[in-house]
Amino acid sequence: MTTRTFQKSTYSDPDHECVEVATAHPHTITIRDSKLTDGPTLRVSPTAWASFLTTLHTEP
């Protein structure tokens, strides 16, 4: 079993909930809620994650 190291944005307040992301696996980006670290995760491809980030940066 691979141990994932999750990180959150440096823009996030350390005392508030946010999204955390693990990128250790080359074919999967794993996303979770920081307040539910033992809860469910969402796994997406690096291509889907890049598309999501591009949309965040380009949409008003």
N, C-alpha and C. Protein backbone atom coordinates (compact mmCIF):
# COMPACT_ATOMS: atom_id res chain seq x y z
N MET A 1 0.84 -1.18 0.00
CA MET A 1 0.00 0.00 0.00
C MET A 1 0.89 1.24 0.00
N THR A 2 0.58 2.19 -0.87
CA THR A 2 1.34 3.42 -0.97
C THR A 2 0.79 4.46 -0.01
N THR A 3 1.68 5.10 0.72
CA THR A 3 1.27 6.18 1.60
C THR A 3 1.18 7.46 0.80
N ARG A 4 0.05 8.12 0.89
CA ARG A 4 -0.12 9.39 0.18
C ARG A 4 0.22 10.54 1.11
N THR A 5 0.87 11.55 0.58
CA THR A 5 1.12 12.77 1.31
C THR A 5 0.22 13.85 0.71
N PHE A 6 -0.73 14.29 1.51
CA PHE A 6 -1.67 15.30 1.05
C PHE A 6 -1.13 16.69 1.38
N GLN A 7 -1.44 17.62 0.51
CA GLN A 7 -1.07 19.01 0.75
C GLN A 7 -2.22 19.91 0.35
N LYS A 8 -2.23 21.10 0.93
CA LYS A 8 -3.25 22.07 0.54
C LYS A 8 -2.58 23.35 0.08
N SER A 9 -3.34 24.18 -0.54
CA SER A 9 -2.81 25.42 -1.11
C SER A 9 -2.18 26.30 -0.03
N THR A 10 -1.13 26.97 -0.39
CA THR A 10 -0.51 27.93 0.54
C THR A 10 -1.43 29.13 0.75
N TYR A 11 -2.44 29.29 -0.10
CA TYR A 11 -3.42 30.36 0.07
C TYR A 11 -4.45 30.01 1.14
N SER A 12 -4.50 28.75 1.56
CA SER A 12 -5.49 28.31 2.55
C SER A 12 -5.08 28.73 3.95
N ASP A 13 -6.08 29.09 4.73
CA ASP A 13 -5.85 29.37 6.15
C ASP A 13 -5.64 28.03 6.83
N PRO A 14 -4.55 27.86 7.59
CA PRO A 14 -4.27 26.55 8.19
C PRO A 14 -5.33 26.07 9.18
N ASP A 15 -6.16 26.98 9.70
CA ASP A 15 -7.17 26.60 10.69
C ASP A 15 -8.55 26.37 10.10
N HIS A 16 -8.68 26.41 8.80
CA HIS A 16 -9.99 26.23 8.16
C HIS A 16 -9.97 25.03 7.22
N GLU A 17 -11.17 24.54 6.93
CA GLU A 17 -11.32 23.40 6.05
C GLU A 17 -11.02 23.79 4.61
N CYS A 18 -10.48 22.86 3.89
CA CYS A 18 -10.21 23.10 2.48
C CYS A 18 -10.03 21.76 1.78
N VAL A 19 -9.67 21.82 0.54
CA VAL A 19 -9.39 20.63 -0.25
C VAL A 19 -7.91 20.31 -0.15
N GLU A 20 -7.59 19.03 0.02
CA GLU A 20 -6.19 18.59 0.02
C GLU A 20 -5.98 17.67 -1.18
N VAL A 21 -4.77 17.69 -1.71
CA VAL A 21 -4.46 16.95 -2.93
C VAL A 21 -3.20 16.13 -2.73
N ALA A 22 -3.22 14.89 -3.20
CA ALA A 22 -2.03 14.03 -3.21
C ALA A 22 -1.71 13.69 -4.65
N THR A 23 -0.43 13.83 -5.00
CA THR A 23 -0.02 13.59 -6.39
C THR A 23 1.09 12.55 -6.50
N ALA A 24 1.24 11.71 -5.50
CA ALA A 24 2.35 10.75 -5.47
C ALA A 24 2.27 9.70 -6.58
N HIS A 25 1.09 9.28 -6.92
CA HIS A 25 0.92 8.25 -7.95
C HIS A 25 0.94 8.93 -9.32
N PRO A 26 1.71 8.44 -10.28
CA PRO A 26 1.85 9.13 -11.57
C PRO A 26 0.58 9.16 -12.42
N HIS A 27 -0.38 8.29 -12.15
CA HIS A 27 -1.57 8.22 -13.00
C HIS A 27 -2.85 8.66 -12.29
N THR A 28 -2.73 9.11 -11.03
CA THR A 28 -3.92 9.45 -10.26
C THR A 28 -3.66 10.65 -9.36
N ILE A 29 -4.58 11.59 -9.36
CA ILE A 29 -4.59 12.70 -8.42
C ILE A 29 -5.69 12.36 -7.42
N THR A 30 -5.36 12.37 -6.13
CA THR A 30 -6.33 12.04 -5.09
C THR A 30 -6.69 13.32 -4.34
N ILE A 31 -7.98 13.55 -4.16
CA ILE A 31 -8.49 14.78 -3.55
C ILE A 31 -9.35 14.38 -2.35
N ARG A 32 -9.22 15.15 -1.25
CA ARG A 32 -10.05 14.88 -0.08
C ARG A 32 -10.39 16.19 0.64
N ASP A 33 -11.34 16.11 1.54
CA ASP A 33 -11.73 17.23 2.39
C ASP A 33 -10.81 17.23 3.60
N SER A 34 -10.20 18.36 3.93
CA SER A 34 -9.23 18.41 5.02
C SER A 34 -9.86 18.14 6.38
N LYS A 35 -11.15 18.35 6.54
CA LYS A 35 -11.78 18.08 7.83
C LYS A 35 -12.24 16.63 7.96
N LEU A 36 -12.17 15.87 6.86
CA LEU A 36 -12.56 14.46 6.87
C LEU A 36 -11.41 13.62 6.33
N THR A 37 -10.27 13.65 7.01
CA THR A 37 -9.08 12.99 6.48
C THR A 37 -9.23 11.48 6.35
N ASP A 38 -10.13 10.87 7.11
CA ASP A 38 -10.39 9.44 6.97
C ASP A 38 -11.62 9.17 6.11
N GLY A 39 -12.18 10.21 5.54
CA GLY A 39 -13.39 10.09 4.73
C GLY A 39 -13.08 9.69 3.30
N PRO A 40 -14.08 9.79 2.45
CA PRO A 40 -13.91 9.38 1.05
C PRO A 40 -12.96 10.31 0.31
N THR A 41 -12.40 9.78 -0.75
CA THR A 41 -11.52 10.58 -1.62
C THR A 41 -12.07 10.54 -3.04
N LEU A 42 -11.66 11.50 -3.81
CA LEU A 42 -12.00 11.56 -5.22
C LEU A 42 -10.70 11.38 -5.99
N ARG A 43 -10.70 10.46 -6.93
CA ARG A 43 -9.51 10.21 -7.74
C ARG A 43 -9.79 10.58 -9.18
N VAL A 44 -8.87 11.36 -9.75
CA VAL A 44 -9.01 11.80 -11.14
C VAL A 44 -7.67 11.64 -11.85
N SER A 45 -7.71 11.65 -13.15
CA SER A 45 -6.47 11.56 -13.93
C SER A 45 -5.74 12.89 -13.88
N PRO A 46 -4.43 12.87 -14.09
CA PRO A 46 -3.69 14.14 -14.16
C PRO A 46 -4.24 15.07 -15.25
N THR A 47 -4.71 14.51 -16.35
CA THR A 47 -5.28 15.33 -17.43
C THR A 47 -6.55 16.03 -16.96
N ALA A 48 -7.42 15.30 -16.27
CA ALA A 48 -8.66 15.90 -15.76
C ALA A 48 -8.35 16.96 -14.72
N TRP A 49 -7.37 16.71 -13.85
CA TRP A 49 -6.98 17.68 -12.83
C TRP A 49 -6.43 18.95 -13.47
N ALA A 50 -5.59 18.80 -14.47
CA ALA A 50 -5.02 19.96 -15.17
C ALA A 50 -6.12 20.78 -15.84
N SER A 51 -7.10 20.10 -16.43
CA SER A 51 -8.22 20.78 -17.06
C SER A 51 -9.03 21.55 -16.02
N PHE A 52 -9.27 20.95 -14.88
CA PHE A 52 -10.00 21.60 -13.78
C PHE A 52 -9.26 22.86 -13.33
N LEU A 53 -7.95 22.75 -13.11
CA LEU A 53 -7.15 23.90 -12.67
C LEU A 53 -7.14 25.00 -13.73
N THR A 54 -7.05 24.63 -14.99
CA THR A 54 -7.08 25.62 -16.06
C THR A 54 -8.40 26.37 -16.05
N THR A 55 -9.50 25.65 -15.85
CA THR A 55 -10.81 26.28 -15.78
C THR A 55 -10.89 27.24 -14.61
N LEU A 56 -10.36 26.86 -13.46
CA LEU A 56 -10.36 27.75 -12.30
C LEU A 56 -9.60 29.04 -12.58
N HIS A 57 -8.51 28.93 -13.29
CA HIS A 57 -7.67 30.09 -13.57
C HIS A 57 -8.21 30.98 -14.69
N THR A 58 -9.09 30.46 -15.53
CA THR A 58 -9.55 31.24 -16.68
C THR A 58 -10.99 31.72 -16.58
N GLU A 59 -11.81 31.10 -15.75
CA GLU A 59 -13.20 31.52 -15.62
C GLU A 59 -13.29 32.74 -14.70
N PRO A 60 -14.21 33.66 -15.01
CA PRO A 60 -14.39 34.86 -14.15
C PRO A 60 -14.98 34.52 -12.81
